[in-house]
């Protein structure tokens, strides 16, 4: 049975990635694990002004992370229903990490996945690049096969 790891981050592309992984799982009778990496972002603060500025940044980051996790949860829930109806297993994993590419590759290696499915790029900020920097690192360093979804 094919073990598929889907790395999703809550961007607009994660539903395309999940859809492609779902199609593959149905074709190959595979199990799918959805992985989301969230960054804890801890910093040393040396003054009251810096503390206030960091608190504002942390609140924004927290809201962005909660929104991303909500999107990932909806995408995961939809796939869980479809795949579950076919007797296929799904799993959701959320891990903390500061280096998404390395964290994803490490998780894939440690858990012996057969295929890693990722988006070609994440945020809108990277729309002009051929591949996002995280995607490029994953493709270069993963020991397992990688499917990049456009």
C-alpha atoms as a PDB file:
ATOM      1  CA  UNK A   1       0.000   0.000   0.000  1.00  0.00           C
ATOM      2  CA  UNK A   2       1.351   3.432  -1.009  1.00  0.00           C
ATOM      3  CA  UNK A   3       2.227   5.809   1.860  1.00  0.00           C
ATOM      4  CA  UNK A   4       1.686   9.399   0.740  1.00  0.00           C
ATOM      5  CA  UNK A   5       2.852  12.449   2.691  1.00  0.00           C
ATOM      6  CA  UNK A   6       1.141  15.733   1.815  1.00  0.00           C
ATOM      7  CA  UNK A   7       2.889  18.874   3.049  1.00  0.00           C
ATOM      8  CA  UNK A   8       0.361  21.711   3.279  1.00  0.00           C
ATOM      9  CA  UNK A   9       0.746  25.179   4.709  1.00  0.00           C
ATOM     10  CA  UNK A  10      -2.641  26.851   4.446  1.00  0.00           C
ATOM     11  CA  UNK A  11      -1.980  28.807   1.259  1.00  0.00           C
ATOM     12  CA  UNK A  12      -4.371  28.926  -1.682  1.00  0.00           C
ATOM     13  CA  UNK A  13      -2.508  26.031  -3.312  1.00  0.00           C
ATOM     14  CA  UNK A  14      -3.045  23.503  -0.504  1.00  0.00           C
ATOM     15  CA  UNK A  15      -6.421  22.400  -1.789  1.00  0.00           C
ATOM     16  CA  UNK A  16      -4.903  21.557  -5.205  1.00  0.00           C
ATOM     17  CA  UNK A  17      -2.174  19.564  -3.493  1.00  0.00           C
ATOM     18  CA  UNK A  18      -4.686  17.695  -1.337  1.00  0.00           C
ATOM     19  CA  UNK A  19      -6.884  16.976  -4.363  1.00  0.00           C
ATOM     20  CA  UNK A  20      -3.961  15.473  -6.291  1.00  0.00           C
ATOM     21  CA  UNK A  21      -2.913  13.355  -3.301  1.00  0.00           C
ATOM     22  CA  UNK A  22      -6.500  12.189  -2.917  1.00  0.00           C
ATOM     23  CA  UNK A  23      -6.644  11.137  -6.581  1.00  0.00           C
ATOM     24  CA  UNK A  24      -3.379   9.191  -6.210  1.00  0.00           C
ATOM     25  CA  UNK A  25      -4.552   7.525  -3.001  1.00  0.00           C
ATOM     26  CA  UNK A  26      -7.760   6.401  -4.685  1.00  0.00           C
ATOM     27  CA  UNK A  27      -5.869   5.050  -7.702  1.00  0.00           C
ATOM     28  CA  UNK A  28      -3.187   3.272  -5.692  1.00  0.00           C
ATOM     29  CA  UNK A  29      -5.220   2.403  -2.595  1.00  0.00           C
ATOM     30  CA  UNK A  30      -2.824   4.464  -0.508  1.00  0.00           C
ATOM     31  CA  UNK A  31      -2.857   6.017   2.934  1.00  0.00           C
ATOM     32  CA  UNK A  32      -2.363   9.770   3.229  1.00  0.00           C
ATOM     33  CA  UNK A  33      -0.721  11.797   5.995  1.00  0.00           C
ATOM     34  CA  UNK A  34      -1.134  15.576   5.966  1.00  0.00           C
ATOM     35  CA  UNK A  35       1.789  17.463   7.514  1.00  0.00           C
ATOM     36  CA  UNK A  36       1.774  21.129   8.500  1.00  0.00           C
ATOM     37  CA  UNK A  37       4.846  22.840   9.955  1.00  0.00           C
ATOM     38  CA  UNK A  38       4.257  25.889  12.174  1.00  0.00           C
ATOM     39  CA  UNK A  39       7.045  28.165  13.345  1.00  0.00           C
ATOM     40  CA  UNK A  40       7.349  29.096  17.037  1.00  0.00           C
ATOM     41  CA  UNK A  41       9.466  32.220  16.237  1.00  0.00           C
ATOM     42  CA  UNK A  42      11.064  33.034  19.583  1.00  0.00           C
ATOM     43  CA  UNK A  43      13.238  36.139  19.828  1.00  0.00           C
ATOM     44  CA  UNK A  44      15.330  37.849  22.502  1.00  0.00           C
ATOM     45  CA  UNK A  45      13.792  41.187  23.526  1.00  0.00           C
ATOM     46  CA  UNK A  46      15.970  43.866  25.142  1.00  0.00           C
ATOM     47  CA  UNK A  47      13.633  46.837  25.679  1.00  0.00           C
ATOM     48  CA  UNK A  48       9.995  47.685  26.393  1.00  0.00           C
ATOM     49  CA  UNK A  49       9.574  49.182  22.896  1.00  0.00           C
ATOM     50  CA  UNK A  50      10.954  46.048  21.268  1.00  0.00           C
ATOM     51  CA  UNK A  51       8.685  43.949  23.474  1.00  0.00           C
ATOM     52  CA  UNK A  52       5.611  45.882  22.325  1.00  0.00           C
ATOM     53  CA  UNK A  53       6.667  45.613  18.676  1.00  0.00           C
ATOM     54  CA  UNK A  54       7.364  41.874  19.037  1.00  0.00           C
ATOM     55  CA  UNK A  55       3.991  41.369  20.741  1.00  0.00           C
ATOM     56  CA  UNK A  56       2.245  42.990  17.763  1.00  0.00           C
ATOM     57  CA  UNK A  57       4.208  40.803  15.335  1.00  0.00           C
ATOM     58  CA  UNK A  58       3.415  37.704  17.398  1.00  0.00           C
ATOM     59  CA  UNK A  59      -0.303  38.528  17.435  1.00  0.00           C
ATOM     60  CA  UNK A  60      -0.281  38.901  13.633  1.00  0.00           C
ATOM     61  CA  UNK A  61       1.717  35.678  13.250  1.00  0.00           C
ATOM     62  CA  UNK A  62      -0.691  33.893  15.605  1.00  0.00           C
ATOM     63  CA  UNK A  63      -3.692  35.042  13.553  1.00  0.00           C
ATOM     64  CA  UNK A  64      -1.989  33.964  10.300  1.00  0.00           C
ATOM     65  CA  UNK A  65      -1.098  30.571  11.805  1.00  0.00           C
ATOM     66  CA  UNK A  66      -4.630  30.021  13.112  1.00  0.00           C
ATOM     67  CA  UNK A  67      -6.054  30.910   9.694  1.00  0.00           C
ATOM     68  CA  UNK A  68      -3.622  28.573   7.931  1.00  0.00           C
ATOM     69  CA  UNK A  69      -4.411  25.728  10.332  1.00  0.00           C
ATOM     70  CA  UNK A  70      -8.125  26.287   9.816  1.00  0.00           C
ATOM     71  CA  UNK A  71      -7.711  26.041   6.024  1.00  0.00           C
ATOM     72  CA  UNK A  72      -5.549  22.916   6.428  1.00  0.00           C
ATOM     73  CA  UNK A  73      -8.185  21.388   8.721  1.00  0.00           C
ATOM     74  CA  UNK A  74     -10.946  21.969   6.166  1.00  0.00           C
ATOM     75  CA  UNK A  75      -8.857  20.475   3.356  1.00  0.00           C
ATOM     76  CA  UNK A  76      -7.903  17.517   5.538  1.00  0.00           C
ATOM     77  CA  UNK A  77     -11.526  16.969   6.596  1.00  0.00           C
ATOM     78  CA  UNK A  78     -12.715  16.826   2.996  1.00  0.00           C
ATOM     79  CA  UNK A  79     -10.051  14.278   2.042  1.00  0.00           C
ATOM     80  CA  UNK A  80     -10.672  12.250   5.185  1.00  0.00           C
ATOM     81  CA  UNK A  81     -14.336  11.857   4.216  1.00  0.00           C
ATOM     82  CA  UNK A  82     -13.674  10.882   0.603  1.00  0.00           C
ATOM     83  CA  UNK A  83     -10.813   8.498   1.376  1.00  0.00           C
ATOM     84  CA  UNK A  84     -12.541   7.079   4.446  1.00  0.00           C
ATOM     85  CA  UNK A  85     -15.521   6.064   2.317  1.00  0.00           C
ATOM     86  CA  UNK A  86     -13.092   3.922   0.292  1.00  0.00           C
ATOM     87  CA  UNK A  87     -11.564   2.370   3.408  1.00  0.00           C
ATOM     88  CA  UNK A  88      -8.336   4.367   3.115  1.00  0.00           C
ATOM     89  CA  UNK A  89      -6.669   5.882   6.167  1.00  0.00           C
ATOM     90  CA  UNK A  90      -5.744   9.522   6.668  1.00  0.00           C
ATOM     91  CA  UNK A  91      -3.748  11.194   9.394  1.00  0.00           C
ATOM     92  CA  UNK A  92      -3.092  14.814  10.338  1.00  0.00           C
ATOM     93  CA  UNK A  93       0.220  15.929  11.862  1.00  0.00           C
ATOM     94  CA  UNK A  94       1.122  19.456  12.982  1.00  0.00           C
ATOM     95  CA  UNK A  95       4.749  19.978  14.004  1.00  0.00           C
ATOM     96  CA  UNK A  96       6.682  22.988  15.213  1.00  0.00           C
ATOM     97  CA  UNK A  97       9.800  23.885  13.294  1.00  0.00           C
ATOM     98  CA  UNK A  98      11.795  26.816  12.019  1.00  0.00           C
ATOM     99  CA  UNK A  99      13.012  25.163   8.804  1.00  0.00           C
ATOM    100  CA  UNK A 100       9.977  23.804   6.890  1.00  0.00           C
ATOM    101  CA  UNK A 101      11.916  22.108   4.073  1.00  0.00           C
ATOM    102  CA  UNK A 102      14.271  20.296   6.421  1.00  0.00           C
ATOM    103  CA  UNK A 103      11.434  19.408   8.822  1.00  0.00           C
ATOM    104  CA  UNK A 104       9.302  17.967   6.010  1.00  0.00           C
ATOM    105  CA  UNK A 105      12.164  15.932   4.520  1.00  0.00           C
ATOM    106  CA  UNK A 106      13.132  14.635   7.962  1.00  0.00           C
ATOM    107  CA  UNK A 107       9.543  13.574   8.737  1.00  0.00           C
ATOM    108  CA  UNK A 108       9.226  11.850   5.359  1.00  0.00           C
ATOM    109  CA  UNK A 109      12.500   9.974   5.878  1.00  0.00           C
ATOM    110  CA  UNK A 110      11.761   8.956   9.471  1.00  0.00           C
ATOM    111  CA  UNK A 111       8.359   7.556   8.533  1.00  0.00           C
ATOM    112  CA  UNK A 112       9.283   5.782   5.269  1.00  0.00           C
ATOM    113  CA  UNK A 113       6.850   7.492   2.916  1.00  0.00           C
ATOM    114  CA  UNK A 114       6.710   6.367  -0.703  1.00  0.00           C
ATOM    115  CA  UNK A 115       5.681   9.737  -2.108  1.00  0.00           C
ATOM    116  CA  UNK A 116       5.790  13.352  -0.960  1.00  0.00           C
ATOM    117  CA  UNK A 117       3.237  15.722  -2.502  1.00  0.00           C
ATOM    118  CA  UNK A 118       3.880  19.475  -2.284  1.00  0.00           C
ATOM    119  CA  UNK A 119       2.867  22.736  -3.960  1.00  0.00           C
ATOM    120  CA  UNK A 120       5.155  24.399  -6.480  1.00  0.00           C
ATOM    121  CA  UNK A 121       5.197  27.542  -4.362  1.00  0.00           C
ATOM    122  CA  UNK A 122       3.575  28.761  -1.190  1.00  0.00           C
ATOM    123  CA  UNK A 123       2.644  32.342  -0.556  1.00  0.00           C
ATOM    124  CA  UNK A 124       1.679  34.946  -3.146  1.00  0.00           C
ATOM    125  CA  UNK A 125       4.958  36.735  -2.411  1.00  0.00           C
ATOM    126  CA  UNK A 126       6.779  34.028  -4.347  1.00  0.00           C
ATOM    127  CA  UNK A 127       4.562  34.057  -7.422  1.00  0.00           C
ATOM    128  CA  UNK A 128       7.350  35.243  -9.717  1.00  0.00           C
ATOM    129  CA  UNK A 129       9.659  32.327  -8.907  1.00  0.00           C
ATOM    130  CA  UNK A 130       9.580  29.090 -10.833  1.00  0.00           C
ATOM    131  CA  UNK A 131       9.649  27.112  -7.580  1.00  0.00           C
ATOM    132  CA  UNK A 132       9.292  28.331  -4.023  1.00  0.00           C
ATOM    133  CA  UNK A 133      12.457  28.114  -1.944  1.00  0.00           C
ATOM    134  CA  UNK A 134      10.980  25.500   0.406  1.00  0.00           C
ATOM    135  CA  UNK A 135       9.800  23.393  -2.537  1.00  0.00           C
ATOM    136  CA  UNK A 136      13.202  23.605  -4.198  1.00  0.00           C
ATOM    137  CA  UNK A 137      14.981  22.472  -1.026  1.00  0.00           C
ATOM    138  CA  UNK A 138      12.575  19.559  -0.592  1.00  0.00           C
ATOM    139  CA  UNK A 139      13.054  18.404  -4.181  1.00  0.00           C
ATOM    140  CA  UNK A 140      16.841  18.577  -3.797  1.00  0.00           C
ATOM    141  CA  UNK A 141      17.122  16.819  -0.442  1.00  0.00           C
ATOM    142  CA  UNK A 142      14.254  14.335  -0.199  1.00  0.00           C
ATOM    143  CA  UNK A 143      15.181  10.680  -0.439  1.00  0.00           C
ATOM    144  CA  UNK A 144      11.649   9.778  -1.464  1.00  0.00           C
ATOM    145  CA  UNK A 145       9.917  10.632  -4.734  1.00  0.00           C
ATOM    146  CA  UNK A 146       8.368  14.110  -4.827  1.00  0.00           C
ATOM    147  CA  UNK A 147       5.311  15.198  -6.788  1.00  0.00           C
ATOM    148  CA  UNK A 148       5.171  18.975  -7.252  1.00  0.00           C
ATOM    149  CA  UNK A 149       1.640  20.219  -7.924  1.00  0.00           C
ATOM    150  CA  UNK A 150       1.098  23.416  -9.910  1.00  0.00           C
END
